Amino acid sequence: MTQGDQEPLDYSRDLYTHLIKCQVYIYQHVDRSKGERKCGFGRVKEKKRKSLEEKKRRNNNH
């Protein structure tokens, strides 16, 4: 095998290990009841989480 053939394999393996690390991290650190275990989309989740917190605050204020 030449180096050109090896590069995609190394890249995909690094990406795969990164995804596993990310999933493990999210699984350990994110509230499991929300079911947010997918890698990426951090900004979207932050927005959703903030909106949920705002709703909770509004409900508590009433």
N, C-alpha and C. Protein backbone atom coordinates (compact mmCIF):
# COMPACT_ATOMS: atom_id res chain seq x y z
N MET A 1 0.83 -1.20 0.00
CA MET A 1 0.00 0.00 0.00
C MET A 1 0.87 1.26 0.00
N THR A 2 0.47 2.24 -0.78
CA THR A 2 1.21 3.50 -0.79
C THR A 2 0.67 4.42 0.29
N GLN A 3 1.37 5.51 0.53
CA GLN A 3 0.90 6.44 1.55
C GLN A 3 -0.44 7.04 1.16
N GLY A 4 -0.63 7.25 -0.14
CA GLY A 4 -1.89 7.82 -0.61
C GLY A 4 -3.07 6.95 -0.24
N ASP A 5 -2.87 5.61 -0.27
CA ASP A 5 -3.97 4.72 0.11
C ASP A 5 -4.19 4.72 1.61
N GLN A 6 -3.14 4.98 2.36
CA GLN A 6 -3.27 4.89 3.82
C GLN A 6 -3.94 6.12 4.42
N GLU A 7 -3.76 7.25 3.79
CA GLU A 7 -4.26 8.49 4.41
C GLU A 7 -5.76 8.46 4.70
N PRO A 8 -6.61 8.05 3.76
CA PRO A 8 -8.04 8.02 4.07
C PRO A 8 -8.36 7.10 5.25
N LEU A 9 -7.66 5.97 5.34
CA LEU A 9 -7.91 5.06 6.44
C LEU A 9 -7.55 5.72 7.77
N ASP A 10 -6.38 6.35 7.81
CA ASP A 10 -5.98 7.01 9.05
C ASP A 10 -6.98 8.11 9.40
N TYR A 11 -7.40 8.86 8.39
CA TYR A 11 -8.33 9.96 8.64
C TYR A 11 -9.65 9.41 9.19
N SER A 12 -10.18 8.37 8.53
CA SER A 12 -11.46 7.84 8.99
C SER A 12 -11.33 7.24 10.38
N ARG A 13 -10.18 6.61 10.66
CA ARG A 13 -10.01 6.03 11.98
C ARG A 13 -9.93 7.12 13.04
N ASP A 14 -9.21 8.22 12.73
CA ASP A 14 -9.13 9.33 13.68
C ASP A 14 -10.52 9.93 13.89
N LEU A 15 -11.25 10.08 12.79
CA LEU A 15 -12.60 10.64 12.90
C LEU A 15 -13.48 9.72 13.74
N TYR A 16 -13.34 8.41 13.51
CA TYR A 16 -14.13 7.43 14.24
C TYR A 16 -13.83 7.50 15.74
N THR A 17 -12.53 7.52 16.08
CA THR A 17 -12.16 7.60 17.50
C THR A 17 -12.64 8.92 18.08
N HIS A 18 -12.57 10.00 17.29
CA HIS A 18 -13.04 11.30 17.77
C HIS A 18 -14.53 11.25 18.07
N LEU A 19 -15.29 10.63 17.16
CA LEU A 19 -16.73 10.53 17.37
C LEU A 19 -17.04 9.71 18.62
N ILE A 20 -16.28 8.62 18.82
CA ILE A 20 -16.52 7.80 20.01
C ILE A 20 -16.20 8.60 21.26
N LYS A 21 -15.06 9.30 21.25
CA LYS A 21 -14.71 10.12 22.41
C LYS A 21 -15.80 11.16 22.66
N CYS A 22 -16.27 11.77 21.58
CA CYS A 22 -17.29 12.81 21.71
C CYS A 22 -18.58 12.21 22.27
N GLN A 23 -18.97 11.05 21.76
CA GLN A 23 -20.19 10.42 22.25
C GLN A 23 -20.05 10.05 23.72
N VAL A 24 -18.88 9.51 24.09
CA VAL A 24 -18.66 9.15 25.49
C VAL A 24 -18.72 10.40 26.36
N TYR A 25 -18.07 11.47 25.89
CA TYR A 25 -18.06 12.72 26.65
C TYR A 25 -19.49 13.23 26.84
N ILE A 26 -20.23 13.28 25.75
CA ILE A 26 -21.60 13.79 25.84
C ILE A 26 -22.44 12.87 26.72
N TYR A 27 -22.24 11.57 26.58
CA TYR A 27 -23.02 10.62 27.36
C TYR A 27 -22.75 10.81 28.85
N GLN A 28 -21.51 11.13 29.19
CA GLN A 28 -21.17 11.30 30.59
C GLN A 28 -21.60 12.66 31.13
N HIS A 29 -21.56 13.69 30.29
CA HIS A 29 -21.70 15.06 30.81
C HIS A 29 -23.06 15.68 30.51
N VAL A 30 -23.82 15.11 29.61
CA VAL A 30 -25.12 15.70 29.27
C VAL A 30 -26.22 14.94 30.00
N ASP A 31 -27.23 15.65 30.43
CA ASP A 31 -28.35 15.02 31.12
C ASP A 31 -28.97 13.96 30.21
N ARG A 32 -29.00 12.74 30.66
CA ARG A 32 -29.46 11.64 29.80
C ARG A 32 -30.94 11.75 29.49
N SER A 33 -31.71 12.39 30.36
CA SER A 33 -33.15 12.49 30.12
C SER A 33 -33.43 13.31 28.87
N LYS A 34 -32.50 14.19 28.48
CA LYS A 34 -32.71 15.00 27.28
C LYS A 34 -32.37 14.20 26.03
N GLY A 35 -31.63 13.10 26.19
CA GLY A 35 -31.31 12.26 25.05
C GLY A 35 -30.35 12.90 24.08
N GLU A 36 -29.51 13.83 24.55
CA GLU A 36 -28.57 14.51 23.64
C GLU A 36 -27.24 13.78 23.68
N ARG A 37 -27.12 12.74 22.86
CA ARG A 37 -25.89 11.95 22.87
C ARG A 37 -25.16 12.06 21.54
N LYS A 38 -25.74 12.77 20.58
CA LYS A 38 -25.11 12.85 19.27
C LYS A 38 -23.96 13.85 19.31
N CYS A 39 -22.98 13.61 18.45
CA CYS A 39 -21.81 14.48 18.40
C CYS A 39 -22.13 15.70 17.53
N GLY A 40 -21.65 16.86 17.94
CA GLY A 40 -21.86 18.06 17.15
C GLY A 40 -23.15 18.76 17.52
N PHE A 41 -23.50 19.76 16.74
CA PHE A 41 -24.71 20.56 16.93
C PHE A 41 -24.73 21.17 18.33
N GLY A 42 -23.56 21.52 18.87
CA GLY A 42 -23.50 22.07 20.22
C GLY A 42 -24.27 23.37 20.33
N ARG A 43 -24.17 24.22 19.32
CA ARG A 43 -24.82 25.53 19.40
C ARG A 43 -26.33 25.38 19.42
N VAL A 44 -26.84 24.46 18.61
CA VAL A 44 -28.30 24.26 18.58
C VAL A 44 -28.77 23.79 19.95
N LYS A 45 -28.03 22.85 20.54
CA LYS A 45 -28.43 22.34 21.85
C LYS A 45 -28.37 23.44 22.90
N GLU A 46 -27.34 24.29 22.81
CA GLU A 46 -27.24 25.38 23.78
C GLU A 46 -28.47 26.27 23.67
N LYS A 47 -28.86 26.59 22.44
CA LYS A 47 -30.04 27.44 22.26
C LYS A 47 -31.27 26.76 22.86
N LYS A 48 -31.44 25.46 22.56
CA LYS A 48 -32.60 24.75 23.08
C LYS A 48 -32.56 24.73 24.60
N ARG A 49 -31.38 24.48 25.16
CA ARG A 49 -31.26 24.40 26.60
C ARG A 49 -31.60 25.75 27.23
N LYS A 50 -31.11 26.83 26.62
CA LYS A 50 -31.40 28.16 27.16
C LYS A 50 -32.90 28.44 27.10
N SER A 51 -33.53 28.09 25.98
CA SER A 51 -34.96 28.34 25.85
C SER A 51 -35.72 27.53 26.89
N LEU A 52 -35.26 26.29 27.16
CA LEU A 52 -35.93 25.48 28.17
C LEU A 52 -35.78 26.12 29.55
N GLU A 53 -34.58 26.63 29.82
CA GLU A 53 -34.35 27.28 31.11
C GLU A 53 -35.24 28.51 31.24
N GLU A 54 -35.38 29.27 30.15
CA GLU A 54 -36.23 30.46 30.19
C GLU A 54 -37.68 30.06 30.46
N LYS A 55 -38.14 28.99 29.82
CA LYS A 55 -39.51 28.53 30.05
C LYS A 55 -39.68 28.14 31.52
N LYS A 56 -38.70 27.44 32.08
CA LYS A 56 -38.80 27.04 33.48
C LYS A 56 -38.88 28.28 34.38
N ARG A 57 -38.05 29.28 34.08
CA ARG A 57 -38.08 30.50 34.89
C ARG A 57 -39.45 31.17 34.80
N ARG A 58 -39.99 31.23 33.58
CA ARG A 58 -41.30 31.87 33.42
C ARG A 58 -42.36 31.11 34.21
N ASN A 59 -42.29 29.78 34.14
CA ASN A 59 -43.28 28.99 34.88
C ASN A 59 -43.13 29.18 36.37
N ASN A 60 -41.89 29.30 36.85
CA ASN A 60 -41.68 29.49 38.28
C ASN A 60 -42.15 30.87 38.72
N ASN A 61 -42.04 31.87 37.83
CA ASN A 61 -42.43 33.22 38.21
C ASN A 61 -43.94 33.33 38.34
N HIS A 62 -44.68 32.58 37.54
CA HIS A 62 -46.14 32.71 37.59
C HIS A 62 -46.71 32.06 38.83
